[in-house]
Amino acid sequence: MKKIKITQVKSGIDRPERQKKTLVALGLNKVNAVKEVEATPQILGMVRKVEHLVKVEELG
């Protein structure tokens, strides 16, 4: 399965609680935090919910 690199580029402050919990579930807790994860449908769904707060890159 493909891997993706998720970088948090905006703060979760002043966002709905659901989006804050999604960031925590992705393993992101600070701005510029980076996490490499498998690109499963569940992860991609979470990324879609907070796509305005993160940057996603595909890893070769």
N, C-alpha and C. Protein backbone atom coordinates (compact mmCIF):
# COMPACT_ATOMS: atom_id res chain seq x y z
N MET A 1 0.84 -1.19 0.00
CA MET A 1 0.00 0.00 0.00
C MET A 1 0.88 1.25 0.00
N LYS A 2 0.39 2.30 -0.64
CA LYS A 2 1.15 3.55 -0.71
C LYS A 2 1.24 4.22 0.65
N LYS A 3 2.30 4.98 0.83
CA LYS A 3 2.45 5.78 2.05
C LYS A 3 2.30 7.25 1.68
N ILE A 4 1.78 8.01 2.62
CA ILE A 4 1.67 9.45 2.44
C ILE A 4 2.31 10.15 3.63
N LYS A 5 2.79 11.36 3.38
CA LYS A 5 3.37 12.19 4.44
C LYS A 5 2.41 13.34 4.68
N ILE A 6 1.94 13.45 5.92
CA ILE A 6 0.98 14.49 6.29
C ILE A 6 1.70 15.50 7.17
N THR A 7 1.62 16.78 6.79
CA THR A 7 2.23 17.86 7.56
C THR A 7 1.14 18.83 7.98
N GLN A 8 1.09 19.13 9.27
CA GLN A 8 0.10 20.11 9.75
C GLN A 8 0.63 21.50 9.47
N VAL A 9 -0.12 22.30 8.71
CA VAL A 9 0.33 23.63 8.32
C VAL A 9 -0.46 24.75 9.01
N LYS A 10 -1.60 24.43 9.60
CA LYS A 10 -2.39 25.42 10.32
C LYS A 10 -2.79 24.85 11.68
N SER A 11 -3.01 25.74 12.62
CA SER A 11 -3.35 25.35 13.98
C SER A 11 -4.78 24.83 14.09
N GLY A 12 -5.00 23.96 15.05
CA GLY A 12 -6.34 23.46 15.33
C GLY A 12 -7.11 24.35 16.28
N ILE A 13 -6.47 25.43 16.76
CA ILE A 13 -7.14 26.36 17.67
C ILE A 13 -8.31 27.03 16.94
N ASP A 14 -9.40 27.19 17.64
CA ASP A 14 -10.61 27.84 17.11
C ASP A 14 -11.24 27.03 15.97
N ARG A 15 -11.07 25.72 16.02
CA ARG A 15 -11.70 24.81 15.06
C ARG A 15 -12.70 23.95 15.83
N PRO A 16 -13.66 23.36 15.14
CA PRO A 16 -14.61 22.47 15.84
C PRO A 16 -13.87 21.31 16.51
N GLU A 17 -14.44 20.84 17.61
CA GLU A 17 -13.83 19.76 18.39
C GLU A 17 -13.57 18.52 17.53
N ARG A 18 -14.45 18.26 16.61
CA ARG A 18 -14.31 17.09 15.74
C ARG A 18 -13.03 17.17 14.90
N GLN A 19 -12.71 18.36 14.39
CA GLN A 19 -11.49 18.53 13.61
C GLN A 19 -10.26 18.41 14.49
N LYS A 20 -10.32 18.91 15.71
CA LYS A 20 -9.20 18.78 16.65
C LYS A 20 -8.91 17.31 16.93
N LYS A 21 -9.97 16.53 17.16
CA LYS A 21 -9.80 15.11 17.45
C LYS A 21 -9.28 14.36 16.23
N THR A 22 -9.66 14.79 15.05
CA THR A 22 -9.16 14.16 13.83
C THR A 22 -7.66 14.38 13.70
N LEU A 23 -7.19 15.59 14.01
CA LEU A 23 -5.75 15.86 13.97
C LEU A 23 -5.00 14.98 14.96
N VAL A 24 -5.56 14.81 16.16
CA VAL A 24 -4.93 13.96 17.17
C VAL A 24 -4.90 12.50 16.68
N ALA A 25 -5.99 12.05 16.06
CA ALA A 25 -6.07 10.68 15.56
C ALA A 25 -5.04 10.44 14.46
N LEU A 26 -4.72 11.48 13.70
CA LEU A 26 -3.69 11.36 12.66
C LEU A 26 -2.29 11.43 13.24
N GLY A 27 -2.18 11.78 14.51
CA GLY A 27 -0.88 11.85 15.17
C GLY A 27 -0.23 13.21 15.05
N LEU A 28 -1.03 14.22 14.76
CA LEU A 28 -0.50 15.58 14.61
C LEU A 28 -0.92 16.40 15.83
N ASN A 29 0.05 17.08 16.46
CA ASN A 29 -0.29 17.83 17.66
C ASN A 29 0.22 19.27 17.63
N LYS A 30 1.09 19.61 16.70
CA LYS A 30 1.62 20.96 16.60
C LYS A 30 1.73 21.34 15.13
N VAL A 31 1.80 22.64 14.87
CA VAL A 31 2.03 23.11 13.51
C VAL A 31 3.42 22.63 13.08
N ASN A 32 3.54 22.21 11.86
CA ASN A 32 4.75 21.65 11.26
C ASN A 32 5.05 20.22 11.73
N ALA A 33 4.14 19.60 12.45
CA ALA A 33 4.31 18.19 12.81
C ALA A 33 4.14 17.35 11.54
N VAL A 34 4.96 16.31 11.41
CA VAL A 34 4.94 15.46 10.21
C VAL A 34 4.70 14.03 10.63
N LYS A 35 3.87 13.32 9.87
CA LYS A 35 3.59 11.91 10.15
C LYS A 35 3.52 11.16 8.83
N GLU A 36 4.19 10.01 8.75
CA GLU A 36 4.10 9.15 7.57
C GLU A 36 3.18 7.99 7.91
N VAL A 37 2.15 7.80 7.08
CA VAL A 37 1.16 6.76 7.34
C VAL A 37 0.81 6.04 6.04
N GLU A 38 0.21 4.86 6.17
CA GLU A 38 -0.29 4.12 5.02
C GLU A 38 -1.53 4.84 4.50
N ALA A 39 -1.71 4.84 3.19
CA ALA A 39 -2.84 5.53 2.57
C ALA A 39 -4.06 4.61 2.52
N THR A 40 -4.62 4.30 3.69
CA THR A 40 -5.83 3.48 3.75
C THR A 40 -7.06 4.37 3.52
N PRO A 41 -8.18 3.77 3.17
CA PRO A 41 -9.39 4.59 2.99
C PRO A 41 -9.77 5.37 4.25
N GLN A 42 -9.53 4.78 5.42
CA GLN A 42 -9.87 5.46 6.67
C GLN A 42 -9.00 6.70 6.87
N ILE A 43 -7.71 6.57 6.63
CA ILE A 43 -6.79 7.70 6.78
C ILE A 43 -7.12 8.78 5.76
N LEU A 44 -7.37 8.39 4.52
CA LEU A 44 -7.68 9.37 3.47
C LEU A 44 -8.97 10.12 3.80
N GLY A 45 -9.94 9.44 4.42
CA GLY A 45 -11.18 10.10 4.84
C GLY A 45 -10.92 11.14 5.92
N MET A 46 -10.04 10.80 6.88
CA MET A 46 -9.70 11.76 7.94
C MET A 46 -8.96 12.95 7.35
N VAL A 47 -8.06 12.69 6.41
CA VAL A 47 -7.32 13.79 5.77
C VAL A 47 -8.28 14.72 5.04
N ARG A 48 -9.28 14.16 4.39
CA ARG A 48 -10.25 14.98 3.66
C ARG A 48 -11.01 15.92 4.60
N LYS A 49 -11.26 15.47 5.82
CA LYS A 49 -12.01 16.30 6.78
C LYS A 49 -11.20 17.48 7.29
N VAL A 50 -9.87 17.37 7.25
CA VAL A 50 -9.03 18.46 7.76
C VAL A 50 -8.04 18.94 6.69
N GLU A 51 -8.43 18.81 5.42
CA GLU A 51 -7.50 19.15 4.34
C GLU A 51 -7.11 20.62 4.32
N HIS A 52 -7.89 21.48 4.95
CA HIS A 52 -7.55 22.90 5.03
C HIS A 52 -6.50 23.18 6.10
N LEU A 53 -6.17 22.17 6.92
CA LEU A 53 -5.19 22.34 8.00
C LEU A 53 -3.89 21.58 7.73
N VAL A 54 -3.87 20.72 6.72
CA VAL A 54 -2.72 19.86 6.48
C VAL A 54 -2.25 19.93 5.03
N LYS A 55 -1.01 19.47 4.82
CA LYS A 55 -0.47 19.33 3.47
C LYS A 55 -0.12 17.85 3.32
N VAL A 56 -0.48 17.27 2.18
CA VAL A 56 -0.27 15.84 1.96
C VAL A 56 0.66 15.62 0.77
N GLU A 57 1.66 14.75 0.95
CA GLU A 57 2.57 14.39 -0.13
C GLU A 57 2.61 12.87 -0.25
N GLU A 58 2.60 12.38 -1.49
CA GLU A 58 2.75 10.94 -1.71
C GLU A 58 4.21 10.58 -1.68
N LEU A 59 4.53 9.46 -1.05
CA LEU A 59 5.90 8.99 -1.01
C LEU A 59 6.08 7.90 -2.07
N GLY A 60 7.19 7.96 -2.78
CA GLY A 60 7.46 7.04 -3.88
C GLY A 60 7.59 5.66 -3.39
